[in-house]
Amino acid sequence: MARLDALGIAYTPKKLGCDHTYQIWLSDPDGNAFEVHQYTEHSLQRTGGVVEADW
């Protein structure tokens, strides 16, 4: 995020998802949105388990 800030690249506020993983969203030069995430020690991608999104 510090590098994105230094480059003037906009992104959404960092949030902790229901899978216990931090995430931000930004857009590529063509305007396609994509997600960047950071695992935590509790991230289900590391620990296993099932997440049911409630949105």
PDB file of N, CA and C in Angstrom:
ATOM      1  N   MET A   1       0.831  -1.179   0.000  1.00  0.00           N
ATOM      2  CA  MET A   1       0.000   0.000   0.000  1.00  0.00           C
ATOM      3  C   MET A   1       0.876   1.243   0.000  1.00  0.00           C
ATOM      4  N   ALA A   2       2.001   1.197   0.699  1.00  0.00           N
ATOM      5  CA  ALA A   2       2.912   2.347   0.693  1.00  0.00           C
ATOM      6  C   ALA A   2       3.428   2.597  -0.717  1.00  0.00           C
ATOM      7  N   ARG A   3       3.730   1.548  -1.440  1.00  0.00           N
ATOM      8  CA  ARG A   3       4.217   1.698  -2.822  1.00  0.00           C
ATOM      9  C   ARG A   3       3.116   2.265  -3.717  1.00  0.00           C
ATOM     10  N   LEU A   4       1.900   1.786  -3.566  1.00  0.00           N
ATOM     11  CA  LEU A   4       0.782   2.320  -4.347  1.00  0.00           C
ATOM     12  C   LEU A   4       0.582   3.798  -4.039  1.00  0.00           C
ATOM     13  N   ASP A   5       0.664   4.154  -2.764  1.00  0.00           N
ATOM     14  CA  ASP A   5       0.548   5.563  -2.371  1.00  0.00           C
ATOM     15  C   ASP A   5       1.641   6.394  -3.042  1.00  0.00           C
ATOM     16  N   ALA A   6       2.875   5.889  -3.011  1.00  0.00           N
ATOM     17  CA  ALA A   6       3.998   6.626  -3.598  1.00  0.00           C
ATOM     18  C   ALA A   6       3.820   6.822  -5.101  1.00  0.00           C
ATOM     19  N   LEU A   7       3.153   5.879  -5.748  1.00  0.00           N
ATOM     20  CA  LEU A   7       2.919   5.968  -7.189  1.00  0.00           C
ATOM     21  C   LEU A   7       1.627   6.706  -7.538  1.00  0.00           C
ATOM     22  N   GLY A   8       0.854   7.081  -6.530  1.00  0.00           N
ATOM     23  CA  GLY A   8      -0.402   7.782  -6.767  1.00  0.00           C
ATOM     24  C   GLY A   8      -1.500   6.888  -7.312  1.00  0.00           C
ATOM     25  N   ILE A   9      -1.438   5.599  -7.003  1.00  0.00           N
ATOM     26  CA  ILE A   9      -2.437   4.642  -7.488  1.00  0.00           C
ATOM     27  C   ILE A   9      -3.537   4.501  -6.440  1.00  0.00           C
ATOM     28  N   ALA A  10      -4.763   4.720  -6.862  1.00  0.00           N
ATOM     29  CA  ALA A  10      -5.910   4.654  -5.952  1.00  0.00           C
ATOM     30  C   ALA A  10      -6.296   3.200  -5.671  1.00  0.00           C
ATOM     31  N   TYR A  11      -6.769   2.962  -4.463  1.00  0.00           N
ATOM     32  CA  TYR A  11      -7.255   1.642  -4.062  1.00  0.00           C
ATOM     33  C   TYR A  11      -8.281   1.843  -2.954  1.00  0.00           C
ATOM     34  N   THR A  12      -9.061   0.795  -2.702  1.00  0.00           N
ATOM     35  CA  THR A  12     -10.080   0.872  -1.662  1.00  0.00           C
ATOM     36  C   THR A  12      -9.420   0.776  -0.290  1.00  0.00           C
ATOM     37  N   PRO A  13     -10.132   1.189   0.747  1.00  0.00           N
ATOM     38  CA  PRO A  13      -9.583   1.007   2.092  1.00  0.00           C
ATOM     39  C   PRO A  13      -9.358  -0.481   2.384  1.00  0.00           C
ATOM     40  N   LYS A  14      -8.303  -0.769   3.127  1.00  0.00           N
ATOM     41  CA  LYS A  14      -8.002  -2.149   3.519  1.00  0.00           C
ATOM     42  C   LYS A  14      -9.068  -2.623   4.489  1.00  0.00           C
ATOM     43  N   LYS A  15      -9.568  -3.843   4.252  1.00  0.00           N
ATOM     44  CA  LYS A  15     -10.558  -4.395   5.170  1.00  0.00           C
ATOM     45  C   LYS A  15     -10.255  -5.864   5.417  1.00  0.00           C
ATOM     46  N   LEU A  16     -10.738  -6.350   6.532  1.00  0.00           N
ATOM     47  CA  LEU A  16     -10.586  -7.748   6.884  1.00  0.00           C
ATOM     48  C   LEU A  16     -11.821  -8.486   6.409  1.00  0.00           C
ATOM     49  N   GLY A  17     -11.628  -9.419   5.487  1.00  0.00           N
ATOM     50  CA  GLY A  17     -12.748 -10.166   4.913  1.00  0.00           C
ATOM     51  C   GLY A  17     -13.246 -11.261   5.839  1.00  0.00           C
ATOM     52  N   CYS A  18     -14.369 -11.864   5.471  1.00  0.00           N
ATOM     53  CA  CYS A  18     -14.968 -12.920   6.290  1.00  0.00           C
ATOM     54  C   CYS A  18     -14.097 -14.176   6.334  1.00  0.00           C
ATOM     55  N   ASP A  19     -13.085 -14.255   5.469  1.00  0.00           N
ATOM     56  CA  ASP A  19     -12.138 -15.373   5.500  1.00  0.00           C
ATOM     57  C   ASP A  19     -10.905 -15.051   6.329  1.00  0.00           C
ATOM     58  N   HIS A  20     -10.954 -13.934   7.059  1.00  0.00           N
ATOM     59  CA  HIS A  20      -9.864 -13.476   7.936  1.00  0.00           C
ATOM     60  C   HIS A  20      -8.613 -13.083   7.145  1.00  0.00           C
ATOM     61  N   THR A  21      -8.813 -12.603   5.934  1.00  0.00           N
ATOM     62  CA  THR A  21      -7.732 -12.153   5.062  1.00  0.00           C
ATOM     63  C   THR A  21      -7.950 -10.680   4.753  1.00  0.00           C
ATOM     64  N   TYR A  22      -6.877  -9.882   4.838  1.00  0.00           N
ATOM     65  CA  TYR A  22      -6.984  -8.472   4.483  1.00  0.00           C
ATOM     66  C   TYR A  22      -7.057  -8.335   2.967  1.00  0.00           C
ATOM     67  N   GLN A  23      -7.806  -7.339   2.493  1.00  0.00           N
ATOM     68  CA  GLN A  23      -7.970  -7.155   1.055  1.00  0.00           C
ATOM     69  C   GLN A  23      -8.106  -5.684   0.688  1.00  0.00           C
ATOM     70  N   ILE A  24      -7.617  -5.372  -0.501  1.00  0.00           N
ATOM     71  CA  ILE A  24      -7.865  -4.079  -1.134  1.00  0.00           C
ATOM     72  C   ILE A  24      -8.212  -4.357  -2.582  1.00  0.00           C
ATOM     73  N   TRP A  25      -8.887  -3.417  -3.205  1.00  0.00           N
ATOM     74  CA  TRP A  25      -9.238  -3.507  -4.619  1.00  0.00           C
ATOM     75  C   TRP A  25      -8.655  -2.295  -5.341  1.00  0.00           C
ATOM     76  N   LEU A  26      -8.166  -2.521  -6.533  1.00  0.00           N
ATOM     77  CA  LEU A  26      -7.688  -1.443  -7.379  1.00  0.00           C
ATOM     78  C   LEU A  26      -7.966  -1.803  -8.820  1.00  0.00           C
ATOM     79  N   SER A  27      -7.637  -0.908  -9.740  1.00  0.00           N
ATOM     80  CA  SER A  27      -7.916  -1.130 -11.161  1.00  0.00           C
ATOM     81  C   SER A  27      -6.629  -1.087 -11.961  1.00  0.00           C
ATOM     82  N   ASP A  28      -6.576  -1.927 -13.016  1.00  0.00           N
ATOM     83  CA  ASP A  28      -5.433  -1.887 -13.918  1.00  0.00           C
ATOM     84  C   ASP A  28      -5.605  -0.720 -14.892  1.00  0.00           C
ATOM     85  N   PRO A  29      -4.620  -0.454 -15.745  1.00  0.00           N
ATOM     86  CA  PRO A  29      -4.724   0.696 -16.654  1.00  0.00           C
ATOM     87  C   PRO A  29      -5.931   0.670 -17.596  1.00  0.00           C
ATOM     88  N   ASP A  30      -6.506  -0.522 -17.839  1.00  0.00           N
ATOM     89  CA  ASP A  30      -7.694  -0.619 -18.690  1.00  0.00           C
ATOM     90  C   ASP A  30      -8.988  -0.480 -17.906  1.00  0.00           C
ATOM     91  N   GLY A  31      -8.879  -0.294 -16.597  1.00  0.00           N
ATOM     92  CA  GLY A  31     -10.071  -0.115 -15.770  1.00  0.00           C
ATOM     93  C   GLY A  31     -10.637  -1.392 -15.192  1.00  0.00           C
ATOM     94  N   ASN A  32      -9.940  -2.527 -15.371  1.00  0.00           N
ATOM     95  CA  ASN A  32     -10.397  -3.797 -14.813  1.00  0.00           C
ATOM     96  C   ASN A  32     -10.056  -3.857 -13.332  1.00  0.00           C
ATOM     97  N   ALA A  33     -11.070  -4.088 -12.506  1.00  0.00           N
ATOM     98  CA  ALA A  33     -10.856  -4.165 -11.062  1.00  0.00           C
ATOM     99  C   ALA A  33     -10.262  -5.511 -10.689  1.00  0.00           C
ATOM    100  N   PHE A  34      -9.357  -5.484  -9.708  1.00  0.00           N
ATOM    101  CA  PHE A  34      -8.823  -6.743  -9.184  1.00  0.00           C
ATOM    102  C   PHE A  34      -8.506  -6.595  -7.705  1.00  0.00           C
ATOM    103  N   GLU A  35      -8.428  -7.718  -7.034  1.00  0.00           N
ATOM    104  CA  GLU A  35      -8.215  -7.766  -5.591  1.00  0.00           C
ATOM    105  C   GLU A  35      -6.769  -8.154  -5.288  1.00  0.00           C
ATOM    106  N   VAL A  36      -6.221  -7.516  -4.268  1.00  0.00           N
ATOM    107  CA  VAL A  36      -4.928  -7.907  -3.705  1.00  0.00           C
ATOM    108  C   VAL A  36      -5.217  -8.267  -2.257  1.00  0.00           C
ATOM    109  N   HIS A  37      -4.734  -9.419  -1.818  1.00  0.00           N
ATOM    110  CA  HIS A  37      -5.006  -9.792  -0.429  1.00  0.00           C
ATOM    111  C   HIS A  37      -3.744 -10.215   0.297  1.00  0.00           C
ATOM    112  N   GLN A  38      -3.825 -10.136   1.620  1.00  0.00           N
ATOM    113  CA  GLN A  38      -2.726 -10.503   2.505  1.00  0.00           C
ATOM    114  C   GLN A  38      -3.264 -11.492   3.530  1.00  0.00           C
ATOM    115  N   TYR A  39      -2.682 -12.678   3.533  1.00  0.00           N
ATOM    116  CA  TYR A  39      -3.107 -13.692   4.490  1.00  0.00           C
ATOM    117  C   TYR A  39      -2.673 -13.314   5.906  1.00  0.00           C
ATOM    118  N   THR A  40      -3.467 -13.737   6.870  1.00  0.00           N
ATOM    119  CA  THR A  40      -3.124 -13.619   8.279  1.00  0.00           C
ATOM    120  C   THR A  40      -2.946 -15.037   8.821  1.00  0.00           C
ATOM    121  N   GLU A  41      -2.532 -15.146  10.061  1.00  0.00           N
ATOM    122  CA  GLU A  41      -2.384 -16.490  10.634  1.00  0.00           C
ATOM    123  C   GLU A  41      -3.726 -17.204  10.761  1.00  0.00           C
ATOM    124  N   HIS A  42      -4.821 -16.440  10.692  1.00  0.00           N
ATOM    125  CA  HIS A  42      -6.164 -17.018  10.804  1.00  0.00           C
ATOM    126  C   HIS A  42      -6.870 -17.160   9.457  1.00  0.00           C
ATOM    127  N   SER A  43      -6.227 -16.785   8.373  1.00  0.00           N
ATOM    128  CA  SER A  43      -6.848 -16.865   7.047  1.00  0.00           C
ATOM    129  C   SER A  43      -7.258 -18.298   6.746  1.00  0.00           C
ATOM    130  N   LEU A  44      -8.478 -18.439   6.254  1.00  0.00           N
ATOM    131  CA  LEU A  44      -8.968 -19.776   5.951  1.00  0.00           C
ATOM    132  C   LEU A  44      -8.193 -20.425   4.808  1.00  0.00           C
ATOM    133  N   GLN A  45      -7.516 -19.621   3.984  1.00  0.00           N
ATOM    134  CA  GLN A  45      -6.672 -20.185   2.940  1.00  0.00           C
ATOM    135  C   GLN A  45      -5.492 -20.937   3.565  1.00  0.00           C
ATOM    136  N   ARG A  46      -5.149 -20.600   4.783  1.00  0.00           N
ATOM    137  CA  ARG A  46      -4.054 -21.276   5.499  1.00  0.00           C
ATOM    138  C   ARG A  46      -4.568 -22.353   6.432  1.00  0.00           C
ATOM    139  N   THR A  47      -5.696 -22.101   7.068  1.00  0.00           N
ATOM    140  CA  THR A  47      -6.174 -23.013   8.114  1.00  0.00           C
ATOM    141  C   THR A  47      -7.213 -24.006   7.626  1.00  0.00           C
ATOM    142  N   GLY A  48      -7.780 -23.757   6.447  1.00  0.00           N
ATOM    143  CA  GLY A  48      -8.866 -24.600   5.962  1.00  0.00           C
ATOM    144  C   GLY A  48     -10.191 -24.096   6.502  1.00  0.00           C
ATOM    145  N   GLY A  49     -11.242 -24.689   6.072  1.00  0.00           N
ATOM    146  CA  GLY A  49     -12.555 -24.278   6.544  1.00  0.00           C
ATOM    147  C   GLY A  49     -13.412 -23.775   5.387  1.00  0.00           C
ATOM    148  N   VAL A  50     -14.616 -23.436   5.718  1.00  0.00           N
ATOM    149  CA  VAL A  50     -15.601 -23.015   4.733  1.00  0.00           C
ATOM    150  C   VAL A  50     -16.106 -21.625   5.126  1.00  0.00           C
ATOM    151  N   VAL A  51     -16.217 -20.755   4.135  1.00  0.00           N
ATOM    152  CA  VAL A  51     -16.768 -19.427   4.361  1.00  0.00           C
ATOM    153  C   VAL A  51     -18.025 -19.301   3.531  1.00  0.00           C
ATOM    154  N   GLU A  52     -19.073 -18.810   4.153  1.00  0.00           N
ATOM    155  CA  GLU A  52     -20.296 -18.506   3.427  1.00  0.00           C
ATOM    156  C   GLU A  52     -20.442 -17.000   3.439  1.00  0.00           C
ATOM    157  N   ALA A  53     -20.253 -16.377   2.271  1.00  0.00           N
ATOM    158  CA  ALA A  53     -20.380 -14.929   2.169  1.00  0.00           C
ATOM    159  C   ALA A  53     -21.814 -14.526   2.460  1.00  0.00           C
ATOM    160  N   ASP A  54     -21.954 -13.448   3.186  1.00  0.00           N
ATOM    161  CA  ASP A  54     -23.299 -12.993   3.557  1.00  0.00           C
ATOM    162  C   ASP A  54     -23.708 -11.728   2.808  1.00  0.00           C
ATOM    163  N   TRP A  55     -23.132 -11.487   1.645  1.00  0.00           N
ATOM    164  CA  TRP A  55     -23.491 -10.327   0.852  1.00  0.00           C
ATOM    165  C   TRP A  55     -24.069 -10.805  -0.386  1.00  0.00           C
TER     166      TRP A  55
END
